[in-house]
Amino acid sequence: MAWYLVNTEYAGIHSNVIVKADSPEQAEKDVSVIEFFKDELSDEQKKKFEKLSHKKQMNIIKQYLRYSDV
């Protein structure tokens, strides 16, 4: 695993995200999944979610996908 810098745009705001992943492609996929998931959250949930580490965010998303009908 390595750290990758991913350029992203969320809600019209451009930002850079540092992600630990196996490849640059996986890092970009992780960021895309996080952005999609954040659209499902309320504003309060979004603020709490954004404060978490990338690893914790991905674990929450994995649990959500495992137990949802998505």
PDB file of N, CA and C in Angstrom:
ATOM      1  N   MET A   1       0.840  -1.177   0.000  1.00  0.00           N
ATOM      2  CA  MET A   1       0.000   0.000   0.000  1.00  0.00           C
ATOM      3  C   MET A   1       0.887   1.242   0.000  1.00  0.00           C
ATOM      4  N   ALA A   2       0.350   2.285  -0.592  1.00  0.00           N
ATOM      5  CA  ALA A   2       1.066   3.561  -0.657  1.00  0.00           C
ATOM      6  C   ALA A   2       0.053   4.690  -0.523  1.00  0.00           C
ATOM      7  N   TRP A   3       0.564   5.885  -0.313  1.00  0.00           N
ATOM      8  CA  TRP A   3      -0.292   7.074  -0.217  1.00  0.00           C
ATOM      9  C   TRP A   3      -0.383   7.724  -1.588  1.00  0.00           C
ATOM     10  N   TYR A   4      -1.589   8.124  -1.985  1.00  0.00           N
ATOM     11  CA  TYR A   4      -1.815   8.766  -3.273  1.00  0.00           C
ATOM     12  C   TYR A   4      -2.583  10.062  -3.068  1.00  0.00           C
ATOM     13  N   LEU A   5      -2.249  11.051  -3.870  1.00  0.00           N
ATOM     14  CA  LEU A   5      -2.963  12.324  -3.864  1.00  0.00           C
ATOM     15  C   LEU A   5      -3.999  12.271  -4.981  1.00  0.00           C
ATOM     16  N   VAL A   6      -5.258  12.423  -4.617  1.00  0.00           N
ATOM     17  CA  VAL A   6      -6.347  12.359  -5.592  1.00  0.00           C
ATOM     18  C   VAL A   6      -7.000  13.732  -5.683  1.00  0.00           C
ATOM     19  N   ASN A   7      -7.049  14.283  -6.885  1.00  0.00           N
ATOM     20  CA  ASN A   7      -7.760  15.542  -7.120  1.00  0.00           C
ATOM     21  C   ASN A   7      -9.230  15.210  -7.303  1.00  0.00           C
ATOM     22  N   THR A   8     -10.081  15.946  -6.622  1.00  0.00           N
ATOM     23  CA  THR A   8     -11.499  15.629  -6.672  1.00  0.00           C
ATOM     24  C   THR A   8     -12.337  16.898  -6.678  1.00  0.00           C
ATOM     25  N   GLU A   9     -13.578  16.741  -7.083  1.00  0.00           N
ATOM     26  CA  GLU A   9     -14.540  17.836  -7.026  1.00  0.00           C
ATOM     27  C   GLU A   9     -15.792  17.289  -6.358  1.00  0.00           C
ATOM     28  N   TYR A  10     -16.206  17.929  -5.296  1.00  0.00           N
ATOM     29  CA  TYR A  10     -17.421  17.528  -4.593  1.00  0.00           C
ATOM     30  C   TYR A  10     -18.259  18.767  -4.357  1.00  0.00           C
ATOM     31  N   ALA A  11     -19.482  18.741  -4.830  1.00  0.00           N
ATOM     32  CA  ALA A  11     -20.412  19.868  -4.683  1.00  0.00           C
ATOM     33  C   ALA A  11     -19.806  21.154  -5.237  1.00  0.00           C
ATOM     34  N   GLY A  12     -19.095  21.044  -6.344  1.00  0.00           N
ATOM     35  CA  GLY A  12     -18.519  22.216  -6.991  1.00  0.00           C
ATOM     36  C   GLY A  12     -17.242  22.725  -6.360  1.00  0.00           C
ATOM     37  N   ILE A  13     -16.740  22.032  -5.343  1.00  0.00           N
ATOM     38  CA  ILE A  13     -15.518  22.461  -4.664  1.00  0.00           C
ATOM     39  C   ILE A  13     -14.393  21.502  -5.035  1.00  0.00           C
ATOM     40  N   HIS A  14     -13.316  22.060  -5.583  1.00  0.00           N
ATOM     41  CA  HIS A  14     -12.151  21.252  -5.931  1.00  0.00           C
ATOM     42  C   HIS A  14     -11.276  21.087  -4.699  1.00  0.00           C
ATOM     43  N   SER A  15     -10.783  19.865  -4.498  1.00  0.00           N
ATOM     44  CA  SER A  15      -9.897  19.627  -3.366  1.00  0.00           C
ATOM     45  C   SER A  15      -8.968  18.470  -3.684  1.00  0.00           C
ATOM     46  N   ASN A  16      -7.957  18.328  -2.859  1.00  0.00           N
ATOM     47  CA  ASN A  16      -7.026  17.216  -2.958  1.00  0.00           C
ATOM     48  C   ASN A  16      -7.221  16.338  -1.732  1.00  0.00           C
ATOM     49  N   VAL A  17      -7.236  15.037  -1.950  1.00  0.00           N
ATOM     50  CA  VAL A  17      -7.423  14.086  -0.864  1.00  0.00           C
ATOM     51  C   VAL A  17      -6.249  13.121  -0.889  1.00  0.00           C
ATOM     52  N   ILE A  18      -5.674  12.862   0.277  1.00  0.00           N
ATOM     53  CA  ILE A  18      -4.597  11.881   0.378  1.00  0.00           C
ATOM     54  C   ILE A  18      -5.218  10.568   0.830  1.00  0.00           C
ATOM     55  N   VAL A  19      -4.977   9.516   0.043  1.00  0.00           N
ATOM     56  CA  VAL A  19      -5.611   8.225   0.278  1.00  0.00           C
ATOM     57  C   VAL A  19      -4.551   7.129   0.289  1.00  0.00           C
ATOM     58  N   LYS A  20      -4.678   6.202   1.231  1.00  0.00           N
ATOM     59  CA  LYS A  20      -3.798   5.035   1.265  1.00  0.00           C
ATOM     60  C   LYS A  20      -4.501   3.911   0.515  1.00  0.00           C
ATOM     61  N   ALA A  21      -3.859   3.413  -0.542  1.00  0.00           N
ATOM     62  CA  ALA A  21      -4.484   2.383  -1.375  1.00  0.00           C
ATOM     63  C   ALA A  21      -3.406   1.536  -2.041  1.00  0.00           C
ATOM     64  N   ASP A  22      -3.852   0.474  -2.705  1.00  0.00           N
ATOM     65  CA  ASP A  22      -2.929  -0.422  -3.395  1.00  0.00           C
ATOM     66  C   ASP A  22      -2.435   0.147  -4.718  1.00  0.00           C
ATOM     67  N   SER A  23      -3.218   1.030  -5.328  1.00  0.00           N
ATOM     68  CA  SER A  23      -2.845   1.602  -6.624  1.00  0.00           C
ATOM     69  C   SER A  23      -3.515   2.964  -6.782  1.00  0.00           C
ATOM     70  N   PRO A  24      -3.024   3.775  -7.725  1.00  0.00           N
ATOM     71  CA  PRO A  24      -3.689   5.061  -7.967  1.00  0.00           C
ATOM     72  C   PRO A  24      -5.146   4.885  -8.398  1.00  0.00           C
ATOM     73  N   GLU A  25      -5.415   3.839  -9.165  1.00  0.00           N
ATOM     74  CA  GLU A  25      -6.779   3.583  -9.620  1.00  0.00           C
ATOM     75  C   GLU A  25      -7.698   3.264  -8.444  1.00  0.00           C
ATOM     76  N   GLN A  26      -7.193   2.452  -7.498  1.00  0.00           N
ATOM     77  CA  GLN A  26      -7.994   2.111  -6.321  1.00  0.00           C
ATOM     78  C   GLN A  26      -8.239   3.347  -5.470  1.00  0.00           C
ATOM     79  N   ALA A  27      -7.252   4.219  -5.369  1.00  0.00           N
ATOM     80  CA  ALA A  27      -7.410   5.460  -4.601  1.00  0.00           C
ATOM     81  C   ALA A  27      -8.526   6.312  -5.200  1.00  0.00           C
ATOM     82  N   GLU A  28      -8.560   6.432  -6.530  1.00  0.00           N
ATOM     83  CA  GLU A  28      -9.607   7.213  -7.190  1.00  0.00           C
ATOM     84  C   GLU A  28     -10.986   6.575  -6.983  1.00  0.00           C
ATOM     85  N   LYS A  29     -11.058   5.246  -7.037  1.00  0.00           N
ATOM     86  CA  LYS A  29     -12.335   4.557  -6.800  1.00  0.00           C
ATOM     87  C   LYS A  29     -12.826   4.807  -5.378  1.00  0.00           C
ATOM     88  N   ASP A  30     -11.901   4.727  -4.411  1.00  0.00           N
ATOM     89  CA  ASP A  30     -12.282   4.961  -3.013  1.00  0.00           C
ATOM     90  C   ASP A  30     -12.857   6.355  -2.835  1.00  0.00           C
ATOM     91  N   VAL A  31     -12.223   7.348  -3.433  1.00  0.00           N
ATOM     92  CA  VAL A  31     -12.695   8.727  -3.309  1.00  0.00           C
ATOM     93  C   VAL A  31     -14.064   8.869  -3.972  1.00  0.00           C
ATOM     94  N   SER A  32     -14.273   8.230  -5.116  1.00  0.00           N
ATOM     95  CA  SER A  32     -15.575   8.292  -5.793  1.00  0.00           C
ATOM     96  C   SER A  32     -16.677   7.679  -4.935  1.00  0.00           C
ATOM     97  N   VAL A  33     -16.376   6.560  -4.291  1.00  0.00           N
ATOM     98  CA  VAL A  33     -17.359   5.905  -3.430  1.00  0.00           C
ATOM     99  C   VAL A  33     -17.692   6.793  -2.241  1.00  0.00           C
ATOM    100  N   ILE A  34     -16.675   7.416  -1.654  1.00  0.00           N
ATOM    101  CA  ILE A  34     -16.897   8.311  -0.513  1.00  0.00           C
ATOM    102  C   ILE A  34     -17.783   9.479  -0.926  1.00  0.00           C
ATOM    103  N   GLU A  35     -17.523  10.074  -2.085  1.00  0.00           N
ATOM    104  CA  GLU A  35     -18.327  11.207  -2.547  1.00  0.00           C
ATOM    105  C   GLU A  35     -19.777  10.793  -2.777  1.00  0.00           C
ATOM    106  N   PHE A  36     -19.986   9.623  -3.370  1.00  0.00           N
ATOM    107  CA  PHE A  36     -21.342   9.121  -3.592  1.00  0.00           C
ATOM    108  C   PHE A  36     -22.046   8.908  -2.256  1.00  0.00           C
ATOM    109  N   PHE A  37     -21.350   8.299  -1.301  1.00  0.00           N
ATOM    110  CA  PHE A  37     -21.935   8.010   0.009  1.00  0.00           C
ATOM    111  C   PHE A  37     -22.310   9.295   0.736  1.00  0.00           C
ATOM    112  N   LYS A  38     -21.473  10.320   0.646  1.00  0.00           N
ATOM    113  CA  LYS A  38     -21.747  11.575   1.346  1.00  0.00           C
ATOM    114  C   LYS A  38     -23.037  12.222   0.854  1.00  0.00           C
ATOM    115  N   ASP A  39     -23.406  11.987  -0.389  1.00  0.00           N
ATOM    116  CA  ASP A  39     -24.665  12.529  -0.919  1.00  0.00           C
ATOM    117  C   ASP A  39     -25.879  11.952  -0.193  1.00  0.00           C
ATOM    118  N   GLU A  40     -25.723  10.772   0.416  1.00  0.00           N
ATOM    119  CA  GLU A  40     -26.819  10.108   1.119  1.00  0.00           C
ATOM    120  C   GLU A  40     -26.980  10.596   2.558  1.00  0.00           C
ATOM    121  N   LEU A  41     -26.036  11.382   3.050  1.00  0.00           N
ATOM    122  CA  LEU A  41     -26.035  11.805   4.452  1.00  0.00           C
ATOM    123  C   LEU A  41     -26.679  13.169   4.644  1.00  0.00           C
ATOM    124  N   SER A  42     -27.193  13.383   5.843  1.00  0.00           N
ATOM    125  CA  SER A  42     -27.685  14.716   6.201  1.00  0.00           C
ATOM    126  C   SER A  42     -26.475  15.624   6.426  1.00  0.00           C
ATOM    127  N   ASP A  43     -26.699  16.925   6.514  1.00  0.00           N
ATOM    128  CA  ASP A  43     -25.592  17.857   6.719  1.00  0.00           C
ATOM    129  C   ASP A  43     -24.835  17.555   8.005  1.00  0.00           C
ATOM    130  N   GLU A  44     -25.555  17.245   9.070  1.00  0.00           N
ATOM    131  CA  GLU A  44     -24.909  16.941  10.358  1.00  0.00           C
ATOM    132  C   GLU A  44     -24.085  15.655  10.263  1.00  0.00           C
ATOM    133  N   GLN A  45     -24.643  14.629   9.624  1.00  0.00           N
ATOM    134  CA  GLN A  45     -23.921  13.371   9.446  1.00  0.00           C
ATOM    135  C   GLN A  45     -22.687  13.577   8.576  1.00  0.00           C
ATOM    136  N   LYS A  46     -22.836  14.414   7.549  1.00  0.00           N
ATOM    137  CA  LYS A  46     -21.730  14.689   6.636  1.00  0.00           C
ATOM    138  C   LYS A  46     -20.552  15.319   7.377  1.00  0.00           C
ATOM    139  N   LYS A  47     -20.831  16.268   8.269  1.00  0.00           N
ATOM    140  CA  LYS A  47     -19.767  16.923   9.035  1.00  0.00           C
ATOM    141  C   LYS A  47     -19.027  15.914   9.906  1.00  0.00           C
ATOM    142  N   LYS A  48     -19.771  15.037  10.570  1.00  0.00           N
ATOM    143  CA  LYS A  48     -19.144  14.016  11.415  1.00  0.00           C
ATOM    144  C   LYS A  48     -18.331  13.037  10.576  1.00  0.00           C
ATOM    145  N   PHE A  49     -18.879  12.645   9.435  1.00  0.00           N
ATOM    146  CA  PHE A  49     -18.215  11.688   8.553  1.00  0.00           C
ATOM    147  C   PHE A  49     -16.904  12.251   8.022  1.00  0.00           C
ATOM    148  N   GLU A  50     -16.903  13.525   7.646  1.00  0.00           N
ATOM    149  CA  GLU A  50     -15.712  14.146   7.074  1.00  0.00           C
ATOM    150  C   GLU A  50     -14.571  14.257   8.080  1.00  0.00           C
ATOM    151  N   LYS A  51     -14.876  14.232   9.371  1.00  0.00           N
ATOM    152  CA  LYS A  51     -13.839  14.317  10.403  1.00  0.00           C
ATOM    153  C   LYS A  51     -13.123  12.986  10.621  1.00  0.00           C
ATOM    154  N   LEU A  52     -13.685  11.898  10.115  1.00  0.00           N
ATOM    155  CA  LEU A  52     -13.107  10.572  10.302  1.00  0.00           C
ATOM    156  C   LEU A  52     -11.932  10.349   9.362  1.00  0.00           C
ATOM    157  N   SER A  53     -11.055   9.433   9.726  1.00  0.00           N
ATOM    158  CA  SER A  53      -9.948   9.061   8.848  1.00  0.00           C
ATOM    159  C   SER A  53     -10.500   8.322   7.631  1.00  0.00           C
ATOM    160  N   HIS A  54      -9.701   8.257   6.583  1.00  0.00           N
ATOM    161  CA  HIS A  54     -10.112   7.563   5.354  1.00  0.00           C
ATOM    162  C   HIS A  54     -10.462   6.107   5.658  1.00  0.00           C
ATOM    163  N   LYS A  55      -9.656   5.463   6.480  1.00  0.00           N
ATOM    164  CA  LYS A  55      -9.883   4.054   6.808  1.00  0.00           C
ATOM    165  C   LYS A  55     -11.236   3.871   7.498  1.00  0.00           C
ATOM    166  N   LYS A  56     -11.559   4.733   8.438  1.00  0.00           N
ATOM    167  CA  LYS A  56     -12.841   4.643   9.134  1.00  0.00           C
ATOM    168  C   LYS A  56     -13.998   4.929   8.182  1.00  0.00           C
ATOM    169  N   GLN A  57     -13.805   5.894   7.277  1.00  0.00           N
ATOM    170  CA  GLN A  57     -14.843   6.191   6.290  1.00  0.00           C
ATOM    171  C   GLN A  57     -15.126   4.960   5.430  1.00  0.00           C
ATOM    172  N   MET A  58     -14.074   4.311   4.963  1.00  0.00           N
ATOM    173  CA  MET A  58     -14.253   3.141   4.104  1.00  0.00           C
ATOM    174  C   MET A  58     -14.907   1.992   4.874  1.00  0.00           C
ATOM    175  N   ASN A  59     -14.567   1.814   6.141  1.00  0.00           N
ATOM    176  CA  ASN A  59     -15.204   0.762   6.945  1.00  0.00           C
ATOM    177  C   ASN A  59     -16.696   1.024   7.115  1.00  0.00           C
ATOM    178  N   ILE A  60     -17.070   2.273   7.342  1.00  0.00           N
ATOM    179  CA  ILE A  60     -18.489   2.625   7.464  1.00  0.00           C
ATOM    180  C   ILE A  60     -19.218   2.345   6.155  1.00  0.00           C
ATOM    181  N   ILE A  61     -18.606   2.713   5.044  1.00  0.00           N
ATOM    182  CA  ILE A  61     -19.227   2.488   3.735  1.00  0.00           C
ATOM    183  C   ILE A  61     -19.379   0.992   3.470  1.00  0.00           C
ATOM    184  N   LYS A  62     -18.367   0.199   3.799  1.00  0.00           N
ATOM    185  CA  LYS A  62     -18.463  -1.255   3.607  1.00  0.00           C
ATOM    186  C   LYS A  62     -19.613  -1.836   4.420  1.00  0.00           C
ATOM    187  N   GLN A  63     -19.755  -1.396   5.665  1.00  0.00           N
ATOM    188  CA  GLN A  63     -20.861  -1.871   6.497  1.00  0.00           C
ATOM    189  C   GLN A  63     -22.202  -1.437   5.911  1.00  0.00           C
ATOM    190  N   TYR A  64     -22.280  -0.206   5.447  1.00  0.00           N
ATOM    191  CA  TYR A  64     -23.513   0.312   4.848  1.00  0.00           C
ATOM    192  C   TYR A  64     -23.907  -0.529   3.632  1.00  0.00           C
ATOM    193  N   LEU A  65     -22.940  -0.802   2.771  1.00  0.00           N
ATOM    194  CA  LEU A  65     -23.232  -1.576   1.565  1.00  0.00           C
ATOM    195  C   LEU A  65     -23.605  -3.016   1.901  1.00  0.00           C
ATOM    196  N   ARG A  66     -23.011  -3.558   2.925  1.00  0.00           N
ATOM    197  CA  ARG A  66     -23.291  -4.935   3.322  1.00  0.00           C
ATOM    198  C   ARG A  66     -24.727  -5.093   3.816  1.00  0.00           C
ATOM    199  N   TYR A  67     -25.245  -4.079   4.513  1.00  0.00           N
ATOM    200  CA  TYR A  67     -26.554  -4.199   5.143  1.00  0.00           C
ATOM    201  C   TYR A  67     -27.662  -3.418   4.447  1.00  0.00           C
ATOM    202  N   SER A  68     -27.362  -2.809   3.323  1.00  0.00           N
ATOM    203  CA  SER A  68     -28.395  -2.041   2.624  1.00  0.00           C
ATOM    204  C   SER A  68     -28.830  -2.772   1.362  1.00  0.00           C
ATOM    205  N   ASP A  69     -29.836  -2.253   0.733  1.00  0.00           N
ATOM    206  CA  ASP A  69     -30.347  -2.836  -0.510  1.00  0.00           C
ATOM    207  C   ASP A  69     -29.761  -2.166  -1.736  1.00  0.00           C
ATOM    208  N   VAL A  70     -28.668  -1.438  -1.582  1.00  0.00           N
ATOM    209  CA  VAL A  70     -28.064  -0.696  -2.697  1.00  0.00           C
ATOM    210  C   VAL A  70     -27.532  -1.660  -3.711  1.00  0.00           C
TER     211      VAL A  70
END
